[in-house]
């Protein structure tokens, strides 16, 4: 397990790639383990110790890009303040929300955290589902 630091959209992540098989990888990001599907994976090739750093970087970046904040869509995003697992969605698309209203519940470090809207408006999209593992800064709900 080789720990690397990555900065994605100004947020620092401590990442280690635990294993890679075919089109799946197990990575630990800031202490939370994720199962990552690698899209457009190449045929399996032997990895030599000297190749590990570049291979890890490519695999981690492919997996992280799937939940990068750029997926938020139009409107203002309510972003995850920490990495964790989504255990509840408290709004639906079309719901009116107020500042301070709980829009989702995130489990991190065995604690449930209510994620509250920072905006008044109408929910235009929900970018996560219950059971999703997400990174800090990932857009959860978009308010228009």
N, C-alpha and C. Protein backbone atom coordinates (compact mmCIF):
# COMPACT_ATOMS: atom_id res chain seq x y z
N UNK A 1 0.85 -1.16 0.00
CA UNK A 1 0.00 0.00 0.00
C UNK A 1 0.90 1.23 0.00
N UNK A 2 0.78 2.03 -1.05
CA UNK A 2 1.63 3.19 -1.22
C UNK A 2 0.78 4.45 -1.11
N UNK A 3 0.95 5.22 -0.06
CA UNK A 3 0.15 6.42 0.19
C UNK A 3 0.67 7.58 -0.64
N UNK A 4 -0.25 8.22 -1.37
CA UNK A 4 0.07 9.39 -2.18
C UNK A 4 -0.87 10.52 -1.80
N UNK A 5 -0.43 11.76 -1.99
CA UNK A 5 -1.29 12.91 -1.79
C UNK A 5 -1.67 13.46 -3.15
N UNK A 6 -2.98 13.69 -3.34
CA UNK A 6 -3.50 14.27 -4.57
C UNK A 6 -4.29 15.51 -4.20
N UNK A 7 -4.19 16.53 -5.03
CA UNK A 7 -5.01 17.72 -4.85
C UNK A 7 -5.93 17.80 -6.05
N UNK A 8 -7.24 17.71 -5.78
CA UNK A 8 -8.25 17.72 -6.82
C UNK A 8 -9.18 18.90 -6.54
N UNK A 9 -9.25 19.82 -7.48
CA UNK A 9 -10.07 21.02 -7.32
C UNK A 9 -9.77 21.73 -6.00
N UNK A 10 -8.49 21.78 -5.63
CA UNK A 10 -8.06 22.50 -4.44
C UNK A 10 -8.23 21.75 -3.13
N UNK A 11 -8.73 20.52 -3.17
CA UNK A 11 -8.92 19.72 -1.96
C UNK A 11 -7.88 18.62 -1.93
N UNK A 12 -7.19 18.48 -0.79
CA UNK A 12 -6.13 17.48 -0.66
C UNK A 12 -6.71 16.14 -0.22
N UNK A 13 -6.28 15.06 -0.90
CA UNK A 13 -6.71 13.70 -0.59
C UNK A 13 -5.49 12.83 -0.35
N UNK A 14 -5.52 12.02 0.72
CA UNK A 14 -4.51 11.01 0.95
C UNK A 14 -5.06 9.72 0.38
N UNK A 15 -4.40 9.19 -0.65
CA UNK A 15 -4.93 8.06 -1.41
C UNK A 15 -3.93 6.91 -1.43
N UNK A 16 -4.47 5.72 -1.19
CA UNK A 16 -3.65 4.52 -1.38
C UNK A 16 -4.47 3.53 -2.20
N UNK A 17 -3.80 2.89 -3.16
CA UNK A 17 -4.44 1.88 -3.98
C UNK A 17 -4.13 0.54 -3.32
N UNK A 18 -5.18 -0.12 -2.84
CA UNK A 18 -5.00 -1.37 -2.12
C UNK A 18 -4.86 -2.56 -3.07
N UNK A 19 -5.68 -2.57 -4.13
CA UNK A 19 -5.61 -3.65 -5.11
C UNK A 19 -6.25 -3.20 -6.40
N UNK A 20 -5.81 -3.81 -7.52
CA UNK A 20 -6.39 -3.55 -8.82
C UNK A 20 -6.55 -4.89 -9.53
N UNK A 21 -7.79 -5.19 -9.96
CA UNK A 21 -8.05 -6.41 -10.73
C UNK A 21 -8.99 -6.06 -11.87
N UNK A 22 -8.59 -6.40 -13.08
CA UNK A 22 -9.39 -6.15 -14.27
C UNK A 22 -9.88 -4.71 -14.30
N UNK A 23 -11.20 -4.51 -14.15
CA UNK A 23 -11.76 -3.16 -14.25
C UNK A 23 -12.21 -2.63 -12.89
N UNK A 24 -11.65 -3.17 -11.81
CA UNK A 24 -12.01 -2.72 -10.46
C UNK A 24 -10.75 -2.45 -9.66
N UNK A 25 -10.88 -1.49 -8.75
CA UNK A 25 -9.79 -1.18 -7.84
C UNK A 25 -10.37 -0.94 -6.46
N UNK A 26 -9.59 -1.24 -5.46
CA UNK A 26 -9.95 -0.88 -4.09
C UNK A 26 -8.97 0.20 -3.67
N UNK A 27 -9.50 1.37 -3.33
CA UNK A 27 -8.66 2.49 -2.92
C UNK A 27 -9.14 3.01 -1.57
N UNK A 28 -8.22 3.56 -0.81
CA UNK A 28 -8.57 4.21 0.44
C UNK A 28 -8.26 5.68 0.28
N UNK A 29 -9.28 6.51 0.49
CA UNK A 29 -9.15 7.97 0.34
C UNK A 29 -9.49 8.60 1.69
N UNK A 30 -8.50 9.28 2.28
CA UNK A 30 -8.68 9.92 3.58
C UNK A 30 -9.30 8.96 4.60
N UNK A 31 -8.85 7.71 4.59
CA UNK A 31 -9.29 6.73 5.58
C UNK A 31 -10.56 5.98 5.25
N UNK A 32 -11.23 6.32 4.13
CA UNK A 32 -12.45 5.62 3.72
C UNK A 32 -12.14 4.76 2.51
N UNK A 33 -12.51 3.46 2.57
CA UNK A 33 -12.22 2.54 1.49
C UNK A 33 -13.36 2.54 0.48
N UNK A 34 -12.99 2.57 -0.82
CA UNK A 34 -13.96 2.59 -1.91
C UNK A 34 -13.65 1.46 -2.88
N UNK A 35 -14.70 0.91 -3.48
CA UNK A 35 -14.57 -0.02 -4.59
C UNK A 35 -14.81 0.83 -5.83
N UNK A 36 -13.83 0.93 -6.71
CA UNK A 36 -13.89 1.83 -7.87
C UNK A 36 -13.96 1.02 -9.15
N UNK A 37 -14.92 1.34 -10.01
CA UNK A 37 -14.99 0.75 -11.34
C UNK A 37 -14.12 1.60 -12.26
N UNK A 38 -13.23 0.97 -12.99
CA UNK A 38 -12.34 1.70 -13.89
C UNK A 38 -12.91 1.58 -15.29
N UNK A 39 -13.36 2.70 -15.84
CA UNK A 39 -13.91 2.70 -17.19
C UNK A 39 -12.77 2.71 -18.19
N UNK A 40 -13.05 2.16 -19.37
CA UNK A 40 -12.07 2.13 -20.44
C UNK A 40 -10.76 1.48 -20.01
N UNK A 41 -10.88 0.47 -19.13
CA UNK A 41 -9.66 -0.18 -18.66
C UNK A 41 -9.02 -0.94 -19.82
N UNK A 42 -7.71 -0.94 -19.80
CA UNK A 42 -6.97 -1.66 -20.83
C UNK A 42 -6.86 -3.12 -20.45
N UNK A 43 -6.44 -3.92 -21.40
CA UNK A 43 -6.23 -5.33 -21.09
C UNK A 43 -5.22 -5.44 -19.96
N UNK A 44 -5.36 -6.48 -19.17
CA UNK A 44 -4.46 -6.68 -18.06
C UNK A 44 -3.03 -6.85 -18.55
N UNK A 45 -2.14 -6.12 -17.93
CA UNK A 45 -0.72 -6.23 -18.25
C UNK A 45 0.03 -6.37 -16.95
N UNK A 46 1.16 -7.08 -16.98
CA UNK A 46 1.93 -7.20 -15.74
C UNK A 46 2.42 -5.82 -15.30
N UNK A 47 2.36 -5.58 -14.02
CA UNK A 47 2.83 -4.30 -13.47
C UNK A 47 4.10 -4.57 -12.70
N UNK A 48 5.15 -3.85 -13.08
CA UNK A 48 6.42 -3.98 -12.39
C UNK A 48 6.50 -2.92 -11.32
N UNK A 49 7.25 -3.17 -10.28
CA UNK A 49 7.37 -2.22 -9.17
C UNK A 49 7.66 -0.81 -9.65
N UNK A 50 8.51 -0.67 -10.67
CA UNK A 50 8.85 0.67 -11.17
C UNK A 50 7.66 1.33 -11.86
N UNK A 51 6.68 0.54 -12.33
CA UNK A 51 5.51 1.09 -13.01
C UNK A 51 4.39 1.47 -12.03
N UNK A 52 4.50 1.05 -10.77
CA UNK A 52 3.39 1.18 -9.84
C UNK A 52 2.93 2.61 -9.68
N UNK A 53 3.84 3.56 -9.56
CA UNK A 53 3.43 4.95 -9.31
C UNK A 53 2.56 5.49 -10.43
N UNK A 54 2.97 5.34 -11.68
CA UNK A 54 2.17 5.88 -12.77
C UNK A 54 0.87 5.11 -12.93
N UNK A 55 0.89 3.79 -12.69
CA UNK A 55 -0.32 2.99 -12.79
C UNK A 55 -1.31 3.40 -11.71
N UNK A 56 -0.82 3.59 -10.47
CA UNK A 56 -1.69 4.02 -9.38
C UNK A 56 -2.30 5.37 -9.69
N UNK A 57 -1.48 6.29 -10.18
CA UNK A 57 -1.99 7.64 -10.48
C UNK A 57 -3.11 7.56 -11.50
N UNK A 58 -2.92 6.79 -12.56
CA UNK A 58 -3.94 6.68 -13.60
C UNK A 58 -5.20 6.03 -13.02
N UNK A 59 -5.07 4.96 -12.28
CA UNK A 59 -6.24 4.27 -11.74
C UNK A 59 -7.00 5.15 -10.79
N UNK A 60 -6.31 5.84 -9.89
CA UNK A 60 -6.97 6.69 -8.92
C UNK A 60 -7.67 7.84 -9.62
N UNK A 61 -7.01 8.47 -10.56
CA UNK A 61 -7.62 9.60 -11.26
C UNK A 61 -8.85 9.15 -12.04
N UNK A 62 -8.81 7.98 -12.67
CA UNK A 62 -9.99 7.49 -13.40
C UNK A 62 -11.14 7.29 -12.44
N UNK A 63 -10.89 6.70 -11.28
CA UNK A 63 -11.97 6.45 -10.33
C UNK A 63 -12.50 7.73 -9.71
N UNK A 64 -11.63 8.64 -9.34
CA UNK A 64 -12.05 9.86 -8.69
C UNK A 64 -12.81 10.76 -9.65
N UNK A 65 -12.44 10.73 -10.93
CA UNK A 65 -13.12 11.61 -11.88
C UNK A 65 -14.60 11.30 -11.96
N UNK A 66 -15.01 10.09 -11.59
CA UNK A 66 -16.42 9.74 -11.64
C UNK A 66 -17.24 10.49 -10.61
N UNK A 67 -16.63 11.02 -9.57
CA UNK A 67 -17.37 11.73 -8.55
C UNK A 67 -16.84 13.15 -8.37
N UNK A 68 -16.13 13.66 -9.36
CA UNK A 68 -15.55 14.99 -9.25
C UNK A 68 -16.64 16.05 -9.21
N UNK A 69 -16.41 17.16 -8.52
CA UNK A 69 -17.40 18.20 -8.40
C UNK A 69 -17.91 18.76 -9.72
N UNK A 70 -17.21 18.58 -10.83
CA UNK A 70 -17.67 19.12 -12.10
C UNK A 70 -18.97 18.47 -12.57
N UNK A 71 -19.41 17.37 -11.93
CA UNK A 71 -20.63 16.69 -12.33
C UNK A 71 -21.87 17.37 -11.75
N UNK A 72 -21.74 18.50 -11.12
CA UNK A 72 -22.84 19.10 -10.39
C UNK A 72 -24.00 19.55 -11.26
N UNK A 73 -23.76 20.02 -12.48
CA UNK A 73 -24.84 20.51 -13.31
C UNK A 73 -25.17 21.95 -12.98
N UNK A 74 -26.25 22.52 -13.60
CA UNK A 74 -26.58 23.91 -13.38
C UNK A 74 -27.15 24.13 -11.98
N UNK A 75 -26.94 25.33 -11.43
CA UNK A 75 -27.43 25.65 -10.10
C UNK A 75 -26.29 25.68 -9.10
N UNK A 76 -26.65 25.74 -7.83
CA UNK A 76 -25.66 25.77 -6.75
C UNK A 76 -25.65 24.42 -6.06
N UNK A 77 -24.46 23.85 -5.92
CA UNK A 77 -24.34 22.51 -5.35
C UNK A 77 -24.21 22.53 -3.84
N UNK A 78 -24.91 21.63 -3.19
CA UNK A 78 -24.67 21.33 -1.78
C UNK A 78 -23.66 20.20 -1.81
N UNK A 79 -22.44 20.47 -1.33
CA UNK A 79 -21.34 19.52 -1.43
C UNK A 79 -21.09 18.80 -0.12
N UNK A 80 -20.55 17.62 -0.24
CA UNK A 80 -20.20 16.83 0.93
C UNK A 80 -19.05 17.51 1.68
N UNK A 81 -19.20 17.76 2.97
CA UNK A 81 -18.12 18.39 3.73
C UNK A 81 -17.01 17.42 4.12
N UNK A 82 -17.23 16.11 3.92
CA UNK A 82 -16.24 15.10 4.27
C UNK A 82 -16.55 13.82 3.50
N UNK A 83 -15.58 12.92 3.38
CA UNK A 83 -15.85 11.66 2.70
C UNK A 83 -16.72 10.77 3.58
N UNK A 84 -17.57 9.96 2.96
CA UNK A 84 -18.41 9.07 3.73
C UNK A 84 -19.37 8.30 2.84
N UNK A 85 -20.40 7.73 3.47
CA UNK A 85 -21.40 6.95 2.77
C UNK A 85 -22.76 7.63 2.96
N UNK A 86 -23.48 7.81 1.85
CA UNK A 86 -24.79 8.44 1.90
C UNK A 86 -25.77 7.42 2.50
N UNK A 87 -26.41 7.80 3.62
CA UNK A 87 -27.37 6.89 4.27
C UNK A 87 -28.80 7.40 4.18
N UNK A 88 -28.98 8.60 3.64
CA UNK A 88 -30.33 9.11 3.48
C UNK A 88 -30.38 10.31 2.56
N UNK A 89 -31.43 10.38 1.74
CA UNK A 89 -31.71 11.55 0.92
C UNK A 89 -33.03 12.10 1.44
N UNK A 90 -33.07 13.33 1.87
CA UNK A 90 -34.24 13.90 2.53
C UNK A 90 -35.09 14.78 1.62
N UNK A 91 -34.70 14.94 0.34
CA UNK A 91 -35.45 15.78 -0.59
C UNK A 91 -35.63 15.04 -1.91
N UNK A 92 -36.53 15.57 -2.75
CA UNK A 92 -36.75 15.04 -4.10
C UNK A 92 -36.57 16.19 -5.08
N UNK A 93 -36.31 15.86 -6.34
CA UNK A 93 -36.24 16.87 -7.38
C UNK A 93 -37.59 17.58 -7.41
N UNK A 94 -37.54 18.92 -7.43
CA UNK A 94 -38.76 19.73 -7.44
C UNK A 94 -39.14 20.27 -6.07
N UNK A 95 -38.55 19.72 -4.99
CA UNK A 95 -38.85 20.21 -3.64
C UNK A 95 -38.27 21.61 -3.44
N UNK A 96 -39.00 22.46 -2.73
CA UNK A 96 -38.47 23.76 -2.32
C UNK A 96 -37.71 23.54 -1.02
N UNK A 97 -36.53 24.16 -0.92
CA UNK A 97 -35.72 24.04 0.30
C UNK A 97 -35.32 25.43 0.78
N UNK A 98 -35.05 25.49 2.07
CA UNK A 98 -34.61 26.73 2.71
C UNK A 98 -33.20 26.52 3.26
N UNK A 99 -32.50 27.61 3.48
CA UNK A 99 -31.18 27.55 4.11
C UNK A 99 -31.31 26.83 5.44
N UNK A 100 -30.43 25.86 5.68
CA UNK A 100 -30.42 25.12 6.94
C UNK A 100 -31.26 23.86 6.94
N UNK A 101 -32.03 23.64 5.87
CA UNK A 101 -32.85 22.44 5.78
C UNK A 101 -31.96 21.24 5.45
N UNK A 102 -32.18 20.11 6.12
CA UNK A 102 -31.42 18.89 5.86
C UNK A 102 -31.83 18.32 4.51
N UNK A 103 -30.82 18.10 3.65
CA UNK A 103 -31.09 17.54 2.33
C UNK A 103 -30.60 16.10 2.20
N UNK A 104 -29.64 15.71 3.05
CA UNK A 104 -29.09 14.35 3.00
C UNK A 104 -28.45 14.02 4.34
N UNK A 105 -28.21 12.72 4.54
CA UNK A 105 -27.51 12.26 5.74
C UNK A 105 -26.31 11.44 5.27
N UNK A 106 -25.14 11.76 5.83
CA UNK A 106 -23.88 11.14 5.45
C UNK A 106 -23.27 10.46 6.66
N UNK A 107 -22.90 9.20 6.51
CA UNK A 107 -22.20 8.50 7.59
C UNK A 107 -20.71 8.60 7.36
N UNK A 108 -20.01 9.11 8.35
CA UNK A 108 -18.55 9.22 8.28
C UNK A 108 -18.00 8.92 9.67
N UNK A 109 -17.02 8.08 9.74
CA UNK A 109 -16.38 7.69 10.99
C UNK A 109 -17.42 7.23 12.02
N UNK A 110 -18.38 6.41 11.54
CA UNK A 110 -19.42 5.80 12.37
C UNK A 110 -20.37 6.82 13.00
N UNK A 111 -20.44 8.02 12.42
CA UNK A 111 -21.37 9.03 12.90
C UNK A 111 -22.24 9.49 11.73
N UNK A 112 -23.51 9.76 11.99
CA UNK A 112 -24.38 10.29 10.96
C UNK A 112 -24.35 11.81 11.02
N UNK A 113 -24.14 12.42 9.85
CA UNK A 113 -24.04 13.87 9.74
C UNK A 113 -25.15 14.38 8.83
N UNK A 114 -25.96 15.32 9.33
CA UNK A 114 -27.00 15.91 8.51
C UNK A 114 -26.36 16.96 7.62
N UNK A 115 -26.57 16.82 6.32
CA UNK A 115 -26.03 17.78 5.36
C UNK A 115 -27.14 18.77 5.05
N UNK A 116 -26.88 20.04 5.33
CA UNK A 116 -27.90 21.07 5.21
C UNK A 116 -27.65 21.96 4.00
N UNK A 117 -28.75 22.45 3.43
CA UNK A 117 -28.65 23.35 2.29
C UNK A 117 -28.09 24.69 2.73
N UNK A 118 -27.25 25.23 1.89
CA UNK A 118 -26.71 26.57 2.12
C UNK A 118 -27.49 27.60 1.31
N UNK A 119 -28.51 27.13 0.59
CA UNK A 119 -29.24 27.99 -0.34
C UNK A 119 -30.75 27.80 -0.20
N UNK A 120 -31.50 28.85 -0.51
CA UNK A 120 -32.94 28.74 -0.72
C UNK A 120 -33.13 28.43 -2.19
N UNK A 121 -34.15 27.65 -2.51
CA UNK A 121 -34.43 27.38 -3.91
C UNK A 121 -35.17 26.07 -4.10
N UNK A 122 -35.09 25.56 -5.32
CA UNK A 122 -35.76 24.32 -5.70
C UNK A 122 -34.71 23.29 -6.08
N UNK A 123 -34.87 22.07 -5.62
CA UNK A 123 -33.94 20.98 -5.95
C UNK A 123 -34.07 20.68 -7.44
N UNK A 124 -32.95 20.86 -8.18
CA UNK A 124 -32.97 20.59 -9.63
C UNK A 124 -32.37 19.23 -9.97
N UNK A 125 -31.50 18.72 -9.10
CA UNK A 125 -30.98 17.36 -9.32
C UNK A 125 -30.39 16.81 -8.03
N UNK A 126 -30.38 15.50 -7.97
CA UNK A 126 -29.77 14.78 -6.86
C UNK A 126 -28.70 13.90 -7.48
N UNK A 127 -27.46 14.11 -7.08
CA UNK A 127 -26.32 13.47 -7.73
C UNK A 127 -25.81 12.23 -7.00
N UNK A 128 -26.47 11.84 -5.90
CA UNK A 128 -26.03 10.68 -5.13
C UNK A 128 -27.24 9.80 -4.83
N UNK A 129 -26.98 8.58 -4.45
CA UNK A 129 -28.02 7.63 -4.03
C UNK A 129 -27.62 7.05 -2.68
N UNK A 130 -28.59 6.56 -1.95
CA UNK A 130 -28.28 5.90 -0.68
C UNK A 130 -27.32 4.75 -0.95
N UNK A 131 -26.29 4.65 -0.10
CA UNK A 131 -25.29 3.61 -0.24
C UNK A 131 -24.06 4.04 -0.99
N UNK A 132 -24.11 5.21 -1.66
CA UNK A 132 -22.94 5.70 -2.41
C UNK A 132 -21.83 6.12 -1.45
N UNK A 133 -20.60 5.77 -1.78
CA UNK A 133 -19.42 6.30 -1.10
C UNK A 133 -18.99 7.53 -1.87
N UNK A 134 -18.84 8.65 -1.17
CA UNK A 134 -18.48 9.88 -1.86
C UNK A 134 -17.28 10.54 -1.20
N UNK A 135 -16.63 11.39 -1.96
CA UNK A 135 -15.47 12.11 -1.48
C UNK A 135 -15.87 13.49 -0.96
N UNK A 136 -15.00 14.06 -0.17
CA UNK A 136 -15.19 15.44 0.28
C UNK A 136 -15.27 16.35 -0.93
N UNK A 137 -16.23 17.25 -0.93
CA UNK A 137 -16.38 18.20 -2.02
C UNK A 137 -17.27 17.72 -3.15
N UNK A 138 -17.71 16.46 -3.10
CA UNK A 138 -18.56 15.93 -4.17
C UNK A 138 -19.94 16.58 -4.07
N UNK A 139 -20.52 16.99 -5.22
CA UNK A 139 -21.86 17.59 -5.19
C UNK A 139 -22.90 16.52 -4.87
N UNK A 140 -23.74 16.81 -3.90
CA UNK A 140 -24.78 15.86 -3.50
C UNK A 140 -26.13 16.24 -4.09
N UNK A 141 -26.50 17.50 -3.91
CA UNK A 141 -27.79 18.01 -4.35
C UNK A 141 -27.55 19.36 -5.02
N UNK A 142 -28.28 19.64 -6.10
CA UNK A 142 -28.16 20.93 -6.78
C UNK A 142 -29.45 21.71 -6.56
N UNK A 143 -29.29 22.95 -6.11
CA UNK A 143 -30.41 23.85 -5.84
C UNK A 143 -30.40 24.95 -6.92
N UNK A 144 -31.55 25.13 -7.58
CA UNK A 144 -31.63 26.15 -8.64
C UNK A 144 -32.44 27.34 -8.19
